[in-house]
Amino acid sequence: MTREVLPAVESAAERTKLWWAAAGVMVVLGGGRQRKAAVAGLAAMGLAELLSNGVGKQLYERRRPPAELIPHEGVHDRPDSSSFPSGHTAAAVGFTAAVAAVSPVVGAFCAVPAAGVAVERVQSGAHYPSDVAAGAALGLASAWLVRRVPKLWWRRLL
């Protein structure tokens, strides 16, 4: 079952489609709190992608796990970019953590596919577990920054 579900999760999360769709549902069907959560989630996702793909992968070049280490035949085309950190995981965790900070119930629903993305990245052979852990840390940091920086900025201005 895992081999059928995880590729579907990865496909939905590719190019952040899953998180944009979740934000769209929150904006259309939710109230003010859900709209605020959607904006926070998208901001954190964008920052997490910038930090992971724009900075992290440029600073640390790491090859993808060798195909012979993957215990199944499901290894397919993998990116040529650095394996470290996982940008998919950073985006998923950043979006989910920022949403959860504003709307815990919606954040709990987002946590399920976010965890699936993290597991899939290792299971598919695209990343080592440490790549996923670093991506998750960047996602959490991004959500924290999105939540804290505007407050700190307003304090300085006032």
C-alpha atoms as a PDB file:
ATOM      1  CA  MET A   1       0.000   0.000   0.000  1.00  0.00           C
ATOM      2  CA  THR A   2       2.835   2.400   0.825  1.00  0.00           C
ATOM      3  CA  ARG A   3       4.210   2.070  -2.685  1.00  0.00           C
ATOM      4  CA  GLU A   4       0.873   3.230  -4.118  1.00  0.00           C
ATOM      5  CA  VAL A   5       0.120   6.069  -1.682  1.00  0.00           C
ATOM      6  CA  LEU A   6       3.524   7.737  -1.387  1.00  0.00           C
ATOM      7  CA  PRO A   7       4.038   8.354  -5.118  1.00  0.00           C
ATOM      8  CA  ALA A   8       0.577   9.951  -5.242  1.00  0.00           C
ATOM      9  CA  VAL A   9       1.526  12.239  -2.344  1.00  0.00           C
ATOM     10  CA  GLU A  10       4.809  13.133  -4.054  1.00  0.00           C
ATOM     11  CA  SER A  11       3.039  13.856  -7.321  1.00  0.00           C
ATOM     12  CA  ALA A  12       0.554  16.152  -5.560  1.00  0.00           C
ATOM     13  CA  ALA A  13       3.373  17.927  -3.716  1.00  0.00           C
ATOM     14  CA  GLU A  14       5.507  18.378  -6.845  1.00  0.00           C
ATOM     15  CA  ARG A  15       5.998  22.083  -7.573  1.00  0.00           C
ATOM     16  CA  THR A  16       4.043  22.766  -4.350  1.00  0.00           C
ATOM     17  CA  LYS A  17       0.683  22.061  -6.069  1.00  0.00           C
ATOM     18  CA  LEU A  18      -0.694  20.384  -2.948  1.00  0.00           C
ATOM     19  CA  TRP A  19       0.031  23.374  -0.709  1.00  0.00           C
ATOM     20  CA  TRP A  20      -1.309  25.910  -3.206  1.00  0.00           C
ATOM     21  CA  ALA A  21      -4.486  23.829  -3.487  1.00  0.00           C
ATOM     22  CA  ALA A  22      -4.808  23.620   0.306  1.00  0.00           C
ATOM     23  CA  ALA A  23      -4.376  27.390   0.564  1.00  0.00           C
ATOM     24  CA  GLY A  24      -7.003  27.891  -2.140  1.00  0.00           C
ATOM     25  CA  VAL A  25      -9.496  25.705  -0.288  1.00  0.00           C
ATOM     26  CA  MET A  26      -8.820  27.641   2.932  1.00  0.00           C
ATOM     27  CA  VAL A  27      -9.376  30.964   1.181  1.00  0.00           C
ATOM     28  CA  VAL A  28     -12.560  29.901  -0.616  1.00  0.00           C
ATOM     29  CA  LEU A  29     -14.224  27.795   2.071  1.00  0.00           C
ATOM     30  CA  GLY A  30     -12.744  29.168   5.273  1.00  0.00           C
ATOM     31  CA  GLY A  31     -13.292  32.213   7.363  1.00  0.00           C
ATOM     32  CA  GLY A  32     -10.875  34.968   8.252  1.00  0.00           C
ATOM     33  CA  ARG A  33      -8.710  32.713  10.397  1.00  0.00           C
ATOM     34  CA  GLN A  34      -8.287  30.181   7.583  1.00  0.00           C
ATOM     35  CA  ARG A  35      -7.458  32.929   5.076  1.00  0.00           C
ATOM     36  CA  LYS A  36      -4.812  34.248   7.452  1.00  0.00           C
ATOM     37  CA  ALA A  37      -3.487  30.688   7.869  1.00  0.00           C
ATOM     38  CA  ALA A  38      -3.328  30.263   4.082  1.00  0.00           C
ATOM     39  CA  VAL A  39      -1.305  33.455   3.644  1.00  0.00           C
ATOM     40  CA  ALA A  40       1.051  32.483   6.488  1.00  0.00           C
ATOM     41  CA  GLY A  41       1.441  28.992   5.027  1.00  0.00           C
ATOM     42  CA  LEU A  42       2.283  30.265   1.555  1.00  0.00           C
ATOM     43  CA  ALA A  43       4.754  32.803   2.946  1.00  0.00           C
ATOM     44  CA  ALA A  44       6.508  30.155   5.045  1.00  0.00           C
ATOM     45  CA  MET A  45       6.513  27.730   2.124  1.00  0.00           C
ATOM     46  CA  GLY A  46       8.129  30.332  -0.119  1.00  0.00           C
ATOM     47  CA  LEU A  47      10.742  31.201   2.471  1.00  0.00           C
ATOM     48  CA  ALA A  48      11.472  27.508   3.114  1.00  0.00           C
ATOM     49  CA  GLU A  49      11.975  26.899  -0.595  1.00  0.00           C
ATOM     50  CA  LEU A  50      14.263  29.911  -0.851  1.00  0.00           C
ATOM     51  CA  LEU A  51      16.343  28.735   2.111  1.00  0.00           C
ATOM     52  CA  SER A  52      16.512  25.095   1.019  1.00  0.00           C
ATOM     53  CA  ASN A  53      16.790  25.329  -2.759  1.00  0.00           C
ATOM     54  CA  GLY A  54      18.256  28.802  -3.170  1.00  0.00           C
ATOM     55  CA  VAL A  55      20.741  28.736  -0.292  1.00  0.00           C
ATOM     56  CA  GLY A  56      21.171  25.252   1.217  1.00  0.00           C
ATOM     57  CA  LYS A  57      21.640  23.312  -2.009  1.00  0.00           C
ATOM     58  CA  GLN A  58      24.094  25.945  -3.254  1.00  0.00           C
ATOM     59  CA  LEU A  59      26.201  25.791  -0.090  1.00  0.00           C
ATOM     60  CA  TYR A  60      26.397  22.033   0.265  1.00  0.00           C
ATOM     61  CA  GLU A  61      26.708  19.679  -2.705  1.00  0.00           C
ATOM     62  CA  ARG A  62      25.606  16.155  -1.829  1.00  0.00           C
ATOM     63  CA  ARG A  63      24.931  13.321  -4.246  1.00  0.00           C
ATOM     64  CA  ARG A  64      21.601  11.520  -4.154  1.00  0.00           C
ATOM     65  CA  PRO A  65      21.542   8.109  -2.467  1.00  0.00           C
ATOM     66  CA  PRO A  66      22.876   5.382  -4.771  1.00  0.00           C
ATOM     67  CA  ALA A  67      20.124   3.348  -6.435  1.00  0.00           C
ATOM     68  CA  GLU A  68      21.589   0.110  -5.092  1.00  0.00           C
ATOM     69  CA  LEU A  69      20.807   1.239  -1.534  1.00  0.00           C
ATOM     70  CA  ILE A  70      17.094   1.464  -2.318  1.00  0.00           C
ATOM     71  CA  PRO A  71      15.460  -1.904  -1.502  1.00  0.00           C
ATOM     72  CA  HIS A  72      12.815  -1.765  -4.228  1.00  0.00           C
ATOM     73  CA  GLU A  73      12.468  -1.223  -7.947  1.00  0.00           C
ATOM     74  CA  GLY A  74      10.614   2.088  -7.569  1.00  0.00           C
ATOM     75  CA  VAL A  75      13.696   4.253  -8.080  1.00  0.00           C
ATOM     76  CA  HIS A  76      13.038   6.449 -11.076  1.00  0.00           C
ATOM     77  CA  ASP A  77      14.418   9.699 -12.420  1.00  0.00           C
ATOM     78  CA  ARG A  78      15.861  11.728  -9.607  1.00  0.00           C
ATOM     79  CA  PRO A  79      16.900  15.370  -9.700  1.00  0.00           C
ATOM     80  CA  ASP A  80      20.469  16.305 -10.536  1.00  0.00           C
ATOM     81  CA  SER A  81      20.519  18.968  -7.816  1.00  0.00           C
ATOM     82  CA  SER A  82      22.128  18.494  -4.431  1.00  0.00           C
ATOM     83  CA  SER A  83      20.363  16.060  -2.153  1.00  0.00           C
ATOM     84  CA  PHE A  84      20.864  18.274   0.914  1.00  0.00           C
ATOM     85  CA  PRO A  85      18.471  19.633   2.149  1.00  0.00           C
ATOM     86  CA  SER A  86      15.097  18.325   0.979  1.00  0.00           C
ATOM     87  CA  GLY A  87      13.228  21.225  -0.581  1.00  0.00           C
ATOM     88  CA  HIS A  88       9.990  19.240  -0.789  1.00  0.00           C
ATOM     89  CA  THR A  89      10.103  18.565   2.942  1.00  0.00           C
ATOM     90  CA  ALA A  90      11.063  22.152   3.755  1.00  0.00           C
ATOM     91  CA  ALA A  91       8.074  23.468   1.790  1.00  0.00           C
ATOM     92  CA  ALA A  92       5.668  20.907   3.284  1.00  0.00           C
ATOM     93  CA  VAL A  93       6.755  21.493   6.877  1.00  0.00           C
ATOM     94  CA  GLY A  94       6.971  25.263   6.449  1.00  0.00           C
ATOM     95  CA  PHE A  95       3.443  25.452   5.059  1.00  0.00           C
ATOM     96  CA  THR A  96       2.023  23.075   7.666  1.00  0.00           C
ATOM     97  CA  ALA A  97       3.725  24.670  10.671  1.00  0.00           C
ATOM     98  CA  ALA A  98       2.672  28.176   9.663  1.00  0.00           C
ATOM     99  CA  VAL A  99      -0.917  27.054   9.067  1.00  0.00           C
ATOM    100  CA  ALA A 100      -0.987  25.167  12.388  1.00  0.00           C
ATOM    101  CA  ALA A 101       0.169  28.258  14.273  1.00  0.00           C
ATOM    102  CA  VAL A 102      -2.899  30.155  13.055  1.00  0.00           C
ATOM    103  CA  SER A 103      -5.438  27.347  12.669  1.00  0.00           C
ATOM    104  CA  PRO A 104      -4.434  24.201  14.598  1.00  0.00           C
ATOM    105  CA  VAL A 105      -7.258  22.049  13.212  1.00  0.00           C
ATOM    106  CA  VAL A 106      -6.392  22.822   9.591  1.00  0.00           C
ATOM    107  CA  GLY A 107      -2.717  22.394  10.445  1.00  0.00           C
ATOM    108  CA  ALA A 108      -3.449  18.913  11.782  1.00  0.00           C
ATOM    109  CA  PHE A 109      -5.068  17.990   8.460  1.00  0.00           C
ATOM    110  CA  CYS A 110      -2.050  19.363   6.568  1.00  0.00           C
ATOM    111  CA  ALA A 111       0.354  17.400   8.782  1.00  0.00           C
ATOM    112  CA  VAL A 112      -0.723  14.061   7.294  1.00  0.00           C
ATOM    113  CA  PRO A 113       0.368  14.772   3.688  1.00  0.00           C
ATOM    114  CA  ALA A 114       3.400  16.730   4.958  1.00  0.00           C
ATOM    115  CA  ALA A 115       4.594  13.647   6.829  1.00  0.00           C
ATOM    116  CA  GLY A 116       3.863  11.597   3.714  1.00  0.00           C
ATOM    117  CA  VAL A 117       6.073  13.902   1.640  1.00  0.00           C
ATOM    118  CA  ALA A 118       8.945  13.507   4.109  1.00  0.00           C
ATOM    119  CA  VAL A 119       8.649   9.706   4.143  1.00  0.00           C
ATOM    120  CA  GLU A 120       8.299   9.516   0.370  1.00  0.00           C
ATOM    121  CA  ARG A 121      11.495  11.502  -0.214  1.00  0.00           C
ATOM    122  CA  VAL A 122      13.501   8.838   1.629  1.00  0.00           C
ATOM    123  CA  GLN A 123      11.491   5.851   0.381  1.00  0.00           C
ATOM    124  CA  SER A 124      11.876   6.918  -3.252  1.00  0.00           C
ATOM    125  CA  GLY A 125      15.632   7.235  -2.910  1.00  0.00           C
ATOM    126  CA  ALA A 126      15.665  10.972  -3.625  1.00  0.00           C
ATOM    127  CA  HIS A 127      17.071  11.835  -0.179  1.00  0.00           C
ATOM    128  CA  TYR A 128      18.896  10.540   2.837  1.00  0.00           C
ATOM    129  CA  PRO A 129      17.014  10.836   6.170  1.00  0.00           C
ATOM    130  CA  SER A 130      19.367  13.656   7.195  1.00  0.00           C
ATOM    131  CA  ASP A 131      18.336  15.631   4.076  1.00  0.00           C
ATOM    132  CA  VAL A 132      14.705  15.322   5.139  1.00  0.00           C
ATOM    133  CA  ALA A 133      15.502  16.274   8.740  1.00  0.00           C
ATOM    134  CA  ALA A 134      17.371  19.377   7.570  1.00  0.00           C
ATOM    135  CA  GLY A 135      14.479  20.278   5.261  1.00  0.00           C
ATOM    136  CA  ALA A 136      12.032  19.904   8.140  1.00  0.00           C
ATOM    137  CA  ALA A 137      14.206  22.137  10.323  1.00  0.00           C
ATOM    138  CA  LEU A 138      14.282  24.790   7.598  1.00  0.00           C
ATOM    139  CA  GLY A 139      10.509  24.534   7.243  1.00  0.00           C
ATOM    140  CA  LEU A 140      10.014  25.018  10.993  1.00  0.00           C
ATOM    141  CA  ALA A 141      12.430  27.949  11.018  1.00  0.00           C
ATOM    142  CA  SER A 142      10.590  29.515   8.083  1.00  0.00           C
ATOM    143  CA  ALA A 143       7.230  29.205   9.818  1.00  0.00           C
ATOM    144  CA  TRP A 144       8.707  30.738  12.971  1.00  0.00           C
ATOM    145  CA  LEU A 145      10.223  33.635  11.001  1.00  0.00           C
ATOM    146  CA  VAL A 146       6.974  34.320   9.141  1.00  0.00           C
ATOM    147  CA  ARG A 147       5.184  34.492  12.474  1.00  0.00           C
ATOM    148  CA  ARG A 148       7.798  36.490  14.429  1.00  0.00           C
ATOM    149  CA  VAL A 149       9.505  38.891  12.018  1.00  0.00           C
ATOM    150  CA  PRO A 150       6.447  41.083  11.309  1.00  0.00           C
ATOM    151  CA  LYS A 151       5.876  41.515  15.063  1.00  0.00           C
ATOM    152  CA  LEU A 152       9.521  42.401  15.633  1.00  0.00           C
ATOM    153  CA  TRP A 153       9.451  44.763  12.684  1.00  0.00           C
ATOM    154  CA  TRP A 154       6.363  46.588  13.988  1.00  0.00           C
ATOM    155  CA  ARG A 155       7.987  46.982  17.411  1.00  0.00           C
ATOM    156  CA  ARG A 156      10.966  48.663  15.799  1.00  0.00           C
ATOM    157  CA  LEU A 157       8.767  50.995  13.803  1.00  0.00           C
ATOM    158  CA  LEU A 158       6.675  52.082  16.770  1.00  0.00           C
END
